[in-house]
Amino acid sequence: MADEDTTETGRCISCKRTFRYDPRTVETVLIDPQSGLPPGLTVLGTLRPATPEAVARSAEQPVCPDCLERARKFDQAWNPLGG
């Protein structure tokens, strides 16, 4: 039963809550540890070209199911037609 032992414990990059997840199926976000943001995103929330260095030093961080659900609800509220 090696499949049952594949869960890990980590912190959600969004809400910082500790949760258990399967690393093969968890949703992740690429985060630059130097800025604490995804490469190509500014502190003001605007986009800029991501530098190769920022992408190279970035790592995938897990997102908990509660934050994913909140993000989906937010997206549906602002894009009711799905476009």
N, C-alpha and C. Protein backbone atom coordinates (compact mmCIF):
# COMPACT_ATOMS: atom_id res chain seq x y z
N MET A 1 0.82 -1.19 0.00
CA MET A 1 0.00 0.00 0.00
C MET A 1 0.86 1.25 0.00
N ALA A 2 1.80 1.33 -0.89
CA ALA A 2 2.68 2.49 -0.96
C ALA A 2 1.92 3.75 -1.37
N ASP A 3 0.82 3.60 -2.12
CA ASP A 3 0.07 4.76 -2.56
C ASP A 3 -0.54 5.53 -1.40
N GLU A 4 -0.87 4.84 -0.32
CA GLU A 4 -1.46 5.50 0.84
C GLU A 4 -0.44 6.37 1.57
N ASP A 5 0.83 6.11 1.39
CA ASP A 5 1.88 6.84 2.10
C ASP A 5 2.39 8.04 1.31
N THR A 6 1.71 8.44 0.26
CA THR A 6 2.22 9.52 -0.57
C THR A 6 1.77 10.90 -0.11
N THR A 7 1.03 11.00 0.99
CA THR A 7 0.60 12.31 1.43
C THR A 7 1.73 13.04 2.14
N GLU A 8 1.71 14.35 1.99
CA GLU A 8 2.69 15.22 2.65
C GLU A 8 1.93 16.29 3.41
N THR A 9 2.61 16.93 4.32
CA THR A 9 2.05 18.07 5.04
C THR A 9 2.80 19.31 4.61
N GLY A 10 2.07 20.37 4.31
CA GLY A 10 2.70 21.61 3.89
C GLY A 10 1.80 22.80 4.19
N ARG A 11 2.31 23.99 3.91
CA ARG A 11 1.55 25.22 4.14
C ARG A 11 1.04 25.75 2.82
N CYS A 12 -0.21 26.19 2.85
CA CYS A 12 -0.81 26.81 1.68
C CYS A 12 -0.11 28.14 1.42
N ILE A 13 0.27 28.39 0.20
CA ILE A 13 0.97 29.62 -0.14
C ILE A 13 0.06 30.84 0.01
N SER A 14 -1.24 30.63 -0.05
CA SER A 14 -2.18 31.74 0.03
C SER A 14 -2.57 32.07 1.47
N CYS A 15 -3.14 31.11 2.19
CA CYS A 15 -3.67 31.39 3.54
C CYS A 15 -2.72 30.97 4.65
N LYS A 16 -1.65 30.28 4.32
CA LYS A 16 -0.63 29.81 5.27
C LYS A 16 -1.12 28.71 6.20
N ARG A 17 -2.29 28.15 5.92
CA ARG A 17 -2.82 27.05 6.73
C ARG A 17 -2.06 25.77 6.40
N THR A 18 -1.77 24.97 7.41
CA THR A 18 -1.12 23.68 7.21
C THR A 18 -2.17 22.66 6.80
N PHE A 19 -1.88 21.89 5.75
CA PHE A 19 -2.82 20.87 5.28
C PHE A 19 -2.06 19.69 4.70
N ARG A 20 -2.74 18.56 4.63
CA ARG A 20 -2.16 17.35 4.05
C ARG A 20 -2.60 17.25 2.59
N TYR A 21 -1.68 16.80 1.74
CA TYR A 21 -1.99 16.70 0.32
C TYR A 21 -1.17 15.61 -0.34
N ASP A 22 -1.64 15.21 -1.50
CA ASP A 22 -0.92 14.26 -2.34
C ASP A 22 -0.08 15.10 -3.31
N PRO A 23 1.24 15.03 -3.25
CA PRO A 23 2.09 15.87 -4.11
C PRO A 23 1.89 15.62 -5.60
N ARG A 24 1.30 14.47 -5.96
CA ARG A 24 1.07 14.20 -7.38
C ARG A 24 -0.14 14.93 -7.92
N THR A 25 -1.08 15.33 -7.04
CA THR A 25 -2.33 15.91 -7.53
C THR A 25 -2.63 17.30 -6.99
N VAL A 26 -1.84 17.80 -6.05
CA VAL A 26 -2.12 19.11 -5.45
C VAL A 26 -1.90 20.23 -6.48
N GLU A 27 -2.75 21.25 -6.41
CA GLU A 27 -2.57 22.44 -7.25
C GLU A 27 -1.42 23.25 -6.66
N THR A 28 -0.56 23.77 -7.52
CA THR A 28 0.59 24.53 -7.05
C THR A 28 0.70 25.85 -7.81
N VAL A 29 1.49 26.75 -7.24
CA VAL A 29 1.79 28.04 -7.85
C VAL A 29 3.31 28.20 -7.83
N LEU A 30 3.87 28.66 -8.92
CA LEU A 30 5.30 28.91 -8.99
C LEU A 30 5.59 30.23 -8.26
N ILE A 31 6.46 30.18 -7.23
CA ILE A 31 6.75 31.35 -6.40
C ILE A 31 8.25 31.62 -6.38
N ASP A 32 8.61 32.87 -6.59
CA ASP A 32 10.00 33.32 -6.49
C ASP A 32 10.28 33.61 -5.01
N PRO A 33 11.21 32.89 -4.38
CA PRO A 33 11.46 33.11 -2.96
C PRO A 33 12.03 34.49 -2.63
N GLN A 34 12.63 35.14 -3.61
CA GLN A 34 13.20 36.46 -3.38
C GLN A 34 12.11 37.52 -3.21
N SER A 35 11.03 37.41 -3.99
CA SER A 35 9.96 38.40 -3.92
C SER A 35 8.73 37.87 -3.17
N GLY A 36 8.59 36.54 -3.09
CA GLY A 36 7.40 35.96 -2.48
C GLY A 36 6.19 35.98 -3.41
N LEU A 37 6.42 36.28 -4.67
CA LEU A 37 5.36 36.38 -5.69
C LEU A 37 5.68 35.48 -6.86
N PRO A 38 4.68 35.18 -7.68
CA PRO A 38 4.97 34.46 -8.92
C PRO A 38 5.88 35.30 -9.82
N PRO A 39 6.80 34.67 -10.54
CA PRO A 39 7.64 35.42 -11.46
C PRO A 39 6.78 36.18 -12.47
N GLY A 40 7.10 37.43 -12.69
CA GLY A 40 6.35 38.23 -13.64
C GLY A 40 5.19 39.00 -13.03
N LEU A 41 4.98 38.88 -11.72
CA LEU A 41 3.91 39.62 -11.05
C LEU A 41 4.55 40.63 -10.11
N THR A 42 4.07 41.88 -10.14
CA THR A 42 4.61 42.91 -9.27
C THR A 42 3.81 42.99 -7.98
N VAL A 43 4.32 43.72 -7.00
CA VAL A 43 3.61 43.88 -5.73
C VAL A 43 2.30 44.64 -5.92
N LEU A 44 2.16 45.36 -7.01
CA LEU A 44 0.91 46.07 -7.30
C LEU A 44 -0.09 45.20 -8.06
N GLY A 45 0.32 43.98 -8.38
CA GLY A 45 -0.57 43.05 -9.07
C GLY A 45 -0.55 43.19 -10.58
N THR A 46 0.39 43.96 -11.10
CA THR A 46 0.50 44.09 -12.54
C THR A 46 1.48 43.06 -13.08
N LEU A 47 1.41 42.81 -14.36
CA LEU A 47 2.28 41.82 -15.00
C LEU A 47 3.49 42.49 -15.63
N ARG A 48 4.59 41.79 -15.63
CA ARG A 48 5.82 42.21 -16.30
C ARG A 48 6.48 40.95 -16.83
N PRO A 49 7.38 41.07 -17.77
CA PRO A 49 8.07 39.87 -18.26
C PRO A 49 8.88 39.22 -17.13
N ALA A 50 8.72 37.93 -16.97
CA ALA A 50 9.47 37.19 -15.95
C ALA A 50 10.90 36.98 -16.44
N THR A 51 11.85 37.29 -15.58
CA THR A 51 13.25 37.09 -15.96
C THR A 51 13.59 35.61 -15.84
N PRO A 52 14.50 35.13 -16.67
CA PRO A 52 14.91 33.72 -16.58
C PRO A 52 15.48 33.38 -15.20
N GLU A 53 16.16 34.34 -14.56
CA GLU A 53 16.73 34.10 -13.24
C GLU A 53 15.62 33.88 -12.20
N ALA A 54 14.56 34.69 -12.27
CA ALA A 54 13.45 34.56 -11.32
C ALA A 54 12.75 33.22 -11.51
N VAL A 55 12.57 32.82 -12.74
CA VAL A 55 11.93 31.52 -13.00
C VAL A 55 12.82 30.38 -12.51
N ALA A 56 14.14 30.49 -12.72
CA ALA A 56 15.07 29.43 -12.33
C ALA A 56 15.11 29.23 -10.81
N ARG A 57 15.01 30.30 -10.05
CA ARG A 57 15.08 30.16 -8.59
C ARG A 57 13.73 29.89 -7.94
N SER A 58 12.66 29.94 -8.71
CA SER A 58 11.31 29.74 -8.20
C SER A 58 11.02 28.27 -7.93
N ALA A 59 10.06 28.03 -7.05
CA ALA A 59 9.66 26.67 -6.70
C ALA A 59 8.14 26.58 -6.64
N GLU A 60 7.62 25.39 -6.93
CA GLU A 60 6.18 25.15 -6.86
C GLU A 60 5.75 25.10 -5.39
N GLN A 61 4.71 25.84 -5.05
CA GLN A 61 4.18 25.87 -3.69
C GLN A 61 2.73 25.40 -3.72
N PRO A 62 2.30 24.58 -2.74
CA PRO A 62 0.93 24.05 -2.76
C PRO A 62 -0.12 25.09 -2.38
N VAL A 63 -1.33 24.88 -2.91
CA VAL A 63 -2.49 25.72 -2.59
C VAL A 63 -3.57 24.79 -2.03
N CYS A 64 -4.15 25.16 -0.88
CA CYS A 64 -5.13 24.29 -0.22
C CYS A 64 -6.48 24.31 -0.97
N PRO A 65 -7.30 23.30 -0.78
CA PRO A 65 -8.59 23.23 -1.46
C PRO A 65 -9.52 24.39 -1.11
N ASP A 66 -9.46 24.90 0.12
CA ASP A 66 -10.32 26.03 0.49
C ASP A 66 -9.97 27.27 -0.33
N CYS A 67 -8.69 27.55 -0.51
CA CYS A 67 -8.28 28.71 -1.30
C CYS A 67 -8.64 28.53 -2.77
N LEU A 68 -8.52 27.31 -3.27
CA LEU A 68 -8.92 27.04 -4.65
C LEU A 68 -10.41 27.29 -4.84
N GLU A 69 -11.22 26.86 -3.89
CA GLU A 69 -12.67 27.08 -3.97
C GLU A 69 -12.99 28.57 -3.92
N ARG A 70 -12.32 29.32 -3.04
CA ARG A 70 -12.54 30.77 -2.98
C ARG A 70 -12.15 31.44 -4.29
N ALA A 71 -11.06 30.99 -4.89
CA ALA A 71 -10.63 31.55 -6.16
C ALA A 71 -11.64 31.25 -7.27
N ARG A 72 -12.20 30.04 -7.28
CA ARG A 72 -13.21 29.69 -8.28
C ARG A 72 -14.46 30.53 -8.11
N LYS A 73 -14.90 30.74 -6.86
CA LYS A 73 -16.08 31.56 -6.60
C LYS A 73 -15.84 33.01 -7.03
N PHE A 74 -14.65 33.52 -6.74
CA PHE A 74 -14.30 34.88 -7.15
C PHE A 74 -14.33 35.00 -8.67
N ASP A 75 -13.74 34.02 -9.34
CA ASP A 75 -13.71 34.03 -10.80
C ASP A 75 -15.12 33.97 -11.38
N GLN A 76 -15.99 33.15 -10.80
CA GLN A 76 -17.37 33.05 -11.28
C GLN A 76 -18.14 34.34 -11.05
N ALA A 77 -17.86 35.02 -9.94
CA ALA A 77 -18.55 36.27 -9.64
C ALA A 77 -18.15 37.37 -10.63
N TRP A 78 -16.88 37.38 -11.02
CA TRP A 78 -16.39 38.44 -11.91
C TRP A 78 -16.48 38.06 -13.38
N ASN A 79 -16.64 36.79 -13.68
CA ASN A 79 -16.77 36.32 -15.05
C ASN A 79 -17.95 35.36 -15.15
N PRO A 80 -19.17 35.86 -14.97
CA PRO A 80 -20.34 34.96 -14.93
C PRO A 80 -20.57 34.17 -16.22
N LEU A 81 -20.07 34.66 -17.33
CA LEU A 81 -20.25 33.96 -18.61
C LEU A 81 -19.08 33.03 -18.91
N GLY A 82 -18.11 32.99 -17.99
CA GLY A 82 -16.97 32.08 -18.17
C GLY A 82 -15.95 32.56 -19.17
N GLY A 83 -16.01 33.78 -19.59
CA GLY A 83 -15.08 34.25 -20.60
C GLY A 83 -14.23 35.30 -20.11
